Amino acid sequence: MPFNVKADPMTTSSKSLPIPPVTPAIKAALAPYGKLRVGINMANFLLVLGKNDDGSAKGVSPDLAQYIAGLLDVPCVLVPFAGPGQLADAIADDVWDLANIAVEPERAATIAFSNPYVLIDANFLTRKDSAIRTNADVDKKDISIILYGRSAYDLWLSEHYLKPTYLRVETIDLSHQRFKDGEGDVLASLKPKLLSELPGTGASDYRLITEPFTAIKQAVGMRPHHPDALDFINRVIAHLLACGFIADSLKTHQVEDKLSLPQ
């Protein structure tokens, strides 16, 4: 059953900030061309789960985009991108107004980020005979990490794990495949994707380091220097978290056990 994303700004929760009125200035900042163009990261398999029969993207991020467009009373146009790097770069091309993208300081110079609406754990996977047992074991000069280049966790690791060597590849699937083919000492990836490499029962060739090295904060990105519009988006997210819209969307798309909600 399709998820109902009809916006009802009059429905508020005592636990959330009320959604403020949509002023002409907010509408002009968020939808300057009379429609809401939302950049969608098609590589985020947890928040974008493929396409509907009409070819449009479906998932938690498209649900949120359509809700915001409903509040603005404008059409929602989803603009797909193969990965987060391409999506972030396209801010300079004026092809999207909002975007589903992870919060990263490296991108903050050109993109203003909302508060997060979901969190995704990022972990390391090692081989079962590896001496690497903890996150601290990974941050050493003789360790090589294979990962999806320009992902949010790549940007985070580049700032915090300065000693290892990085083997960056073009897609998350390729990072997993090349690790299984023998490249890298450690695979860095999203926890739900890593768990798919482990059997439910019995022996495994791999071992998950259970403590996440970071949690990816999935947020809404927009053009900077529009504080009132960003505050509006933050209030929308706070309301949707409090009233259960985000939680219901996770359940509808069957990813509630793979993602967590901000507290």
Protein backbone atom coordinates (compact mmCIF):
# COMPACT_ATOMS: atom_id res chain seq x y z
CA MET A 1 0.00 0.00 0.00
CA PRO A 2 1.45 3.41 -0.93
CA PHE A 3 2.43 5.60 1.97
CA ASN A 4 0.14 8.58 2.54
CA VAL A 5 2.32 11.67 2.31
CA LYS A 6 -0.46 14.25 2.25
CA ALA A 7 0.67 17.26 4.24
CA ASP A 8 -1.60 18.40 7.04
CA PRO A 9 0.05 21.45 8.64
CA MET A 10 -2.79 21.75 11.16
CA THR A 11 -1.87 18.40 12.73
CA THR A 12 0.77 19.10 15.34
CA SER A 13 2.14 17.29 18.37
CA SER A 14 2.75 18.70 21.82
CA LYS A 15 6.23 17.17 21.62
CA SER A 16 7.15 19.00 18.42
CA LEU A 17 7.59 22.55 17.31
CA PRO A 18 4.49 23.66 15.43
CA ILE A 19 5.03 24.06 11.71
CA PRO A 20 5.13 27.81 11.02
CA PRO A 21 3.08 29.39 8.23
CA VAL A 22 4.57 29.22 4.76
CA THR A 23 5.45 32.83 4.04
CA PRO A 24 6.12 34.09 0.51
CA ALA A 25 9.81 34.42 1.44
CA ILE A 26 10.04 30.79 2.59
CA LYS A 27 8.24 29.55 -0.52
CA ALA A 28 10.52 31.62 -2.76
CA ALA A 29 13.63 30.30 -1.01
CA LEU A 30 12.59 26.63 -1.17
CA ALA A 31 10.75 26.54 -4.50
CA PRO A 32 11.96 29.51 -6.56
CA TYR A 33 10.71 28.02 -9.83
CA GLY A 34 7.20 27.17 -8.65
CA LYS A 35 8.02 23.51 -8.00
CA LEU A 36 10.12 21.71 -5.41
CA ARG A 37 13.08 20.01 -7.09
CA VAL A 38 14.49 17.43 -4.69
CA GLY A 39 17.82 15.73 -5.32
CA ILE A 40 17.62 12.03 -4.49
CA ASN A 41 20.67 9.87 -3.82
CA MET A 42 19.75 6.64 -5.60
CA ALA A 43 22.74 4.86 -4.02
CA ASN A 44 21.17 5.18 -0.57
CA PHE A 45 19.46 1.78 -0.62
CA LEU A 46 17.92 2.33 2.83
CA LEU A 47 16.11 5.58 2.06
CA VAL A 48 15.48 5.09 -1.67
CA LEU A 49 14.11 1.61 -2.34
CA GLY A 50 13.78 1.65 -6.10
CA LYS A 51 11.05 3.09 -8.29
CA ASN A 52 7.28 3.17 -8.44
CA ASP A 53 5.37 2.00 -11.51
CA ASP A 54 5.53 5.52 -12.93
CA GLY A 55 9.34 5.54 -12.65
CA SER A 56 9.54 7.90 -9.66
CA ALA A 57 11.75 7.02 -6.70
CA LYS A 58 10.12 5.48 -3.63
CA GLY A 59 11.27 5.34 -0.02
CA VAL A 60 11.55 7.42 3.12
CA SER A 61 13.39 10.31 1.45
CA PRO A 62 10.84 10.66 -1.37
CA ASP A 63 8.04 10.53 1.23
CA LEU A 64 9.62 13.45 3.09
CA ALA A 65 10.15 15.39 -0.14
CA GLN A 66 6.53 14.97 -1.16
CA TYR A 67 5.34 16.05 2.28
CA ILE A 68 7.35 19.27 2.16
CA ALA A 69 6.12 20.00 -1.36
CA GLY A 70 2.57 19.55 -0.07
CA LEU A 71 3.16 22.13 2.64
CA LEU A 72 4.47 24.56 0.03
CA ASP A 73 1.55 23.72 -2.27
CA VAL A 74 3.83 23.11 -5.25
CA PRO A 75 4.55 20.04 -7.39
CA CYS A 76 7.36 17.74 -6.23
CA VAL A 77 9.98 16.83 -8.83
CA LEU A 78 12.48 14.17 -7.77
CA VAL A 79 15.89 14.60 -9.40
CA PRO A 80 17.87 11.33 -9.22
CA PHE A 81 21.66 11.15 -8.76
CA ALA A 82 23.85 8.06 -8.90
CA GLY A 83 25.63 8.91 -5.64
CA PRO A 84 26.09 11.52 -2.90
CA GLY A 85 29.17 13.09 -4.47
CA GLN A 86 27.37 13.87 -7.71
CA LEU A 87 24.37 15.18 -5.79
CA ALA A 88 26.52 17.48 -3.64
CA ASP A 89 28.44 18.81 -6.66
CA ALA A 90 25.19 19.66 -8.46
CA ILE A 91 24.35 22.43 -5.97
CA ALA A 92 26.45 24.67 -8.23
CA ASP A 93 24.29 23.80 -11.26
CA ASP A 94 20.96 24.94 -9.77
CA VAL A 95 19.20 21.67 -10.57
CA TRP A 96 17.79 20.95 -7.10
CA ASP A 97 16.24 23.01 -4.30
CA LEU A 98 16.37 20.42 -1.52
CA ALA A 99 18.28 17.16 -1.32
CA ASN A 100 18.44 14.00 0.74
CA ILE A 101 22.04 14.01 1.85
CA ALA A 102 24.14 13.19 4.90
CA VAL A 103 25.49 15.93 7.14
CA GLU A 104 29.21 16.45 6.55
CA PRO A 105 31.38 19.47 7.49
CA GLU A 106 33.24 19.21 4.16
CA ARG A 107 30.02 19.99 2.33
CA ALA A 108 28.82 22.72 4.70
CA ALA A 109 30.57 25.47 2.72
CA THR A 110 28.10 25.07 -0.14
CA ILE A 111 25.13 23.24 1.45
CA ALA A 112 23.05 24.18 4.51
CA PHE A 113 21.96 21.08 6.42
CA SER A 114 18.82 20.52 8.44
CA ASN A 115 18.72 18.53 11.63
CA PRO A 116 18.80 14.78 10.89
CA TYR A 117 15.62 12.79 10.42
CA VAL A 118 17.24 9.33 10.54
CA LEU A 119 20.58 7.87 11.62
CA ILE A 120 22.50 5.08 9.89
CA ASP A 121 25.30 3.23 11.69
CA ALA A 122 28.60 2.79 9.82
CA ASN A 123 30.86 -0.09 10.85
CA PHE A 124 33.95 -2.03 9.86
CA LEU A 125 34.02 -5.59 8.56
CA THR A 126 37.18 -7.70 8.85
CA ARG A 127 38.11 -11.22 7.82
CA LYS A 128 37.63 -13.89 10.46
CA ASP A 129 41.37 -14.58 10.78
CA SER A 130 42.28 -10.88 11.07
CA ALA A 131 43.99 -9.52 14.19
CA ILE A 132 41.84 -6.40 13.84
CA ARG A 133 39.25 -6.58 16.61
CA THR A 134 38.32 -2.99 17.48
CA ASN A 135 37.93 0.38 15.80
CA ALA A 136 41.20 1.49 17.39
CA ASP A 137 42.96 -1.39 15.63
CA VAL A 138 41.91 0.08 12.28
CA ASP A 139 43.54 3.48 12.82
CA LYS A 140 47.10 2.31 12.06
CA LYS A 141 49.55 3.03 9.26
CA ASP A 142 49.77 -0.54 8.01
CA ILE A 143 45.98 -0.92 7.59
CA SER A 144 44.13 -0.42 4.31
CA ILE A 145 40.43 0.43 4.26
CA ILE A 146 38.32 -0.20 1.18
CA LEU A 147 35.16 1.87 0.90
CA TYR A 148 32.73 3.78 -1.29
CA GLY A 149 34.52 6.97 -2.30
CA ARG A 150 32.90 10.30 -1.38
CA SER A 151 30.29 8.63 0.80
CA ALA A 152 29.47 10.36 4.08
CA TYR A 153 31.47 7.80 6.04
CA ASP A 154 34.44 8.26 3.69
CA LEU A 155 34.42 11.99 4.45
CA TRP A 156 34.13 11.29 8.18
CA LEU A 157 36.96 8.74 8.20
CA SER A 158 39.21 11.02 6.19
CA GLU A 159 39.02 13.58 9.00
CA HIS A 160 39.23 11.19 11.97
CA TYR A 161 41.26 8.14 10.88
CA LEU A 162 44.45 9.70 9.55
CA LYS A 163 46.83 6.73 9.64
CA PRO A 164 45.30 4.05 7.35
CA THR A 165 45.52 3.85 3.56
CA TYR A 166 42.23 4.29 1.71
CA LEU A 167 41.13 2.29 -1.33
CA ARG A 168 38.19 4.24 -2.74
CA VAL A 169 35.87 2.70 -5.34
CA GLU A 170 32.91 3.96 -7.38
CA THR A 171 29.95 2.26 -5.64
CA ILE A 172 29.09 0.65 -2.33
CA ASP A 173 28.45 -2.70 -4.05
CA LEU A 174 31.89 -2.57 -5.66
CA SER A 175 33.55 -1.91 -2.30
CA HIS A 176 31.94 -5.07 -0.91
CA GLN A 177 32.82 -7.16 -3.94
CA ARG A 178 36.46 -6.09 -4.02
CA PHE A 179 36.81 -6.73 -0.28
CA LYS A 180 35.44 -10.24 -0.85
CA ASP A 181 37.92 -10.59 -3.70
CA GLY A 182 40.75 -9.97 -1.23
CA GLU A 183 41.40 -6.21 -1.41
CA GLY A 184 41.81 -4.15 1.74
CA ASP A 185 42.29 -5.22 5.34
CA VAL A 186 38.97 -3.71 6.38
CA LEU A 187 35.71 -2.86 4.65
CA ALA A 188 33.99 0.32 5.84
CA SER A 189 30.30 0.46 5.00
CA LEU A 190 26.78 0.94 6.31
CA LYS A 191 25.91 -1.58 9.00
CA PRO A 192 22.75 -2.95 7.30
CA LYS A 193 24.78 -3.62 4.15
CA LEU A 194 27.56 -5.28 6.15
CA LEU A 195 25.09 -7.53 7.95
CA SER A 196 24.05 -8.91 4.58
CA GLU A 197 27.56 -10.38 4.26
CA LEU A 198 27.11 -12.41 7.45
CA PRO A 199 25.04 -15.62 7.52
CA GLY A 200 22.20 -15.88 9.97
CA THR A 201 23.67 -19.04 11.45
CA GLY A 202 26.86 -21.01 11.07
CA ALA A 203 30.38 -20.02 10.14
CA SER A 204 31.32 -16.85 8.28
CA ASP A 205 34.46 -15.73 6.51
CA TYR A 206 33.99 -12.25 8.02
CA ARG A 207 33.60 -10.58 11.38
CA LEU A 208 31.71 -7.37 12.11
CA ILE A 209 33.25 -4.90 14.55
CA THR A 210 30.02 -4.29 16.42
CA GLU A 211 30.75 -0.77 17.68
CA PRO A 212 29.93 1.74 14.93
CA PHE A 213 32.78 4.09 14.06
CA THR A 214 30.19 6.79 13.34
CA ALA A 215 26.48 7.30 12.75
CA ILE A 216 25.52 8.91 9.47
CA LYS A 217 23.11 11.80 10.03
CA GLN A 218 20.69 11.81 7.13
CA ALA A 219 19.29 15.28 6.61
CA VAL A 220 17.77 17.71 4.14
CA GLY A 221 20.25 19.89 2.28
CA MET A 222 19.48 23.26 0.73
CA ARG A 223 21.13 26.42 -0.55
CA PRO A 224 22.88 28.33 2.24
CA HIS A 225 22.04 31.83 3.52
CA HIS A 226 18.29 31.25 3.95
CA PRO A 227 17.98 30.92 7.75
CA ASP A 228 14.19 31.30 7.88
CA ALA A 229 13.71 28.57 5.27
CA LEU A 230 16.15 26.27 7.09
CA ASP A 231 14.30 26.89 10.36
CA PHE A 232 11.06 25.98 8.58
CA ILE A 233 12.55 22.68 7.39
CA ASN A 234 13.86 21.92 10.89
CA ARG A 235 10.43 22.54 12.37
CA VAL A 236 8.85 20.26 9.77
CA ILE A 237 11.32 17.49 10.62
CA ALA A 238 10.77 17.94 14.37
CA HIS A 239 7.03 17.68 13.85
CA LEU A 240 7.25 14.61 11.62
CA LEU A 241 9.52 12.83 14.09
CA ALA A 242 7.20 13.61 16.99
CA CYS A 243 3.93 12.75 15.26
CA GLY A 244 5.24 9.42 13.93
CA PHE A 245 5.33 10.23 10.21
CA ILE A 246 9.01 9.24 9.83
CA ALA A 247 8.56 6.10 11.95
CA ASP A 248 5.52 5.09 9.89
CA SER A 249 7.42 5.67 6.65
CA LEU A 250 10.25 3.42 7.89
CA LYS A 251 7.72 0.68 8.65
CA THR A 252 5.94 1.09 5.33
CA HIS A 253 9.21 0.63 3.46
CA GLN A 254 10.33 -2.16 5.85
CA VAL A 255 13.55 -0.49 7.00
CA GLU A 256 12.59 0.23 10.62
CA ASP A 257 15.08 -2.40 11.89
CA LYS A 258 17.94 -0.94 9.83
CA LEU A 259 17.68 2.74 10.78
CA SER A 260 17.28 4.66 14.00
CA LEU A 261 15.52 7.90 14.81
CA PRO A 262 17.29 10.90 16.39
CA GLN A 263 16.52 11.35 20.07
